[in-house]
Amino acid sequence: MKRFLLAFCLLIACRAQDQHPVTKREIAPVMGAEGADWLTRPEREAEEHPGVALDEIGIKAGSTVADIGAGNGFYTLLLAQRVGPAGKVYANDIQPEMLKLLDQRVRERGLKNVIPVLGKEDDPKLPAGSIDVALLVDVYHEFSKPQMMIRKLRDSLKPDGRLVLLEFRAEDPNVPIKPEHKMTVKQVRAEIEPEGFKLIQRSEKLPWQHILIFGKI
């Protein structure tokens, strides 16, 4: 009986880790490197309008930006062009296979301002107080340890640094994405703001995604 109870408690603990403790939102599984081609699919430009997203965020030349959950570098390459040679992009991911794909694409384009960073599930491994913008594109909902990650990201931001989330709209049933990969604005705010942030800008200019920009408090 004791062994059964211990196993039951461990099972419950594992299940609890699959939900955000504040909103009880189901945490989505992480996309593996075998799905990397989806990140650079030809349709992505039309579906997500990444140029519009970066315009709305206001990425400036010379900035230091962190692309969190960079995958094979779709946004990393765009950010590297935006910040220019005087800026830098930390391309963060927890999967070495993804970073290998990203590094190959960076080398092919001769970019010198991209720094690949292998992070952990609870720590992006970024230098403290150094980031102007931490950009999370369709990745926050996959964080297995979201509170710890957001706290570490907050530490990495400059005093006026911004945390930016792009998330598929859960409010819109017509967005053709699995429910566990979508979030509402209410969910995002409920999870991010208790970690020392406030929502300072919201844009709905993208076809399927929210742009939610948070500042430190």
Foldseek 3Di string as FASTA:
>chain_A
DVVVVVVVVVVVVVQQLQADPFPRAGQDADDDLVCLVVVVDPCCCVQWVVVVLCVVVPQAALFEEEEAQCFLNPVVVVSLVRNDPNYAYEDFDQDPSRVVNNVVVCVVVPRDRYHYFHAHLQARPADFQRHQEYEYELPLSNRSHNLSHLLNVVRRHHQFHKYKYKAFDLVDPPQPDPNSSGDHPVVVCSRNVVSFWDFDDWDDPTNGIIITMIHGD
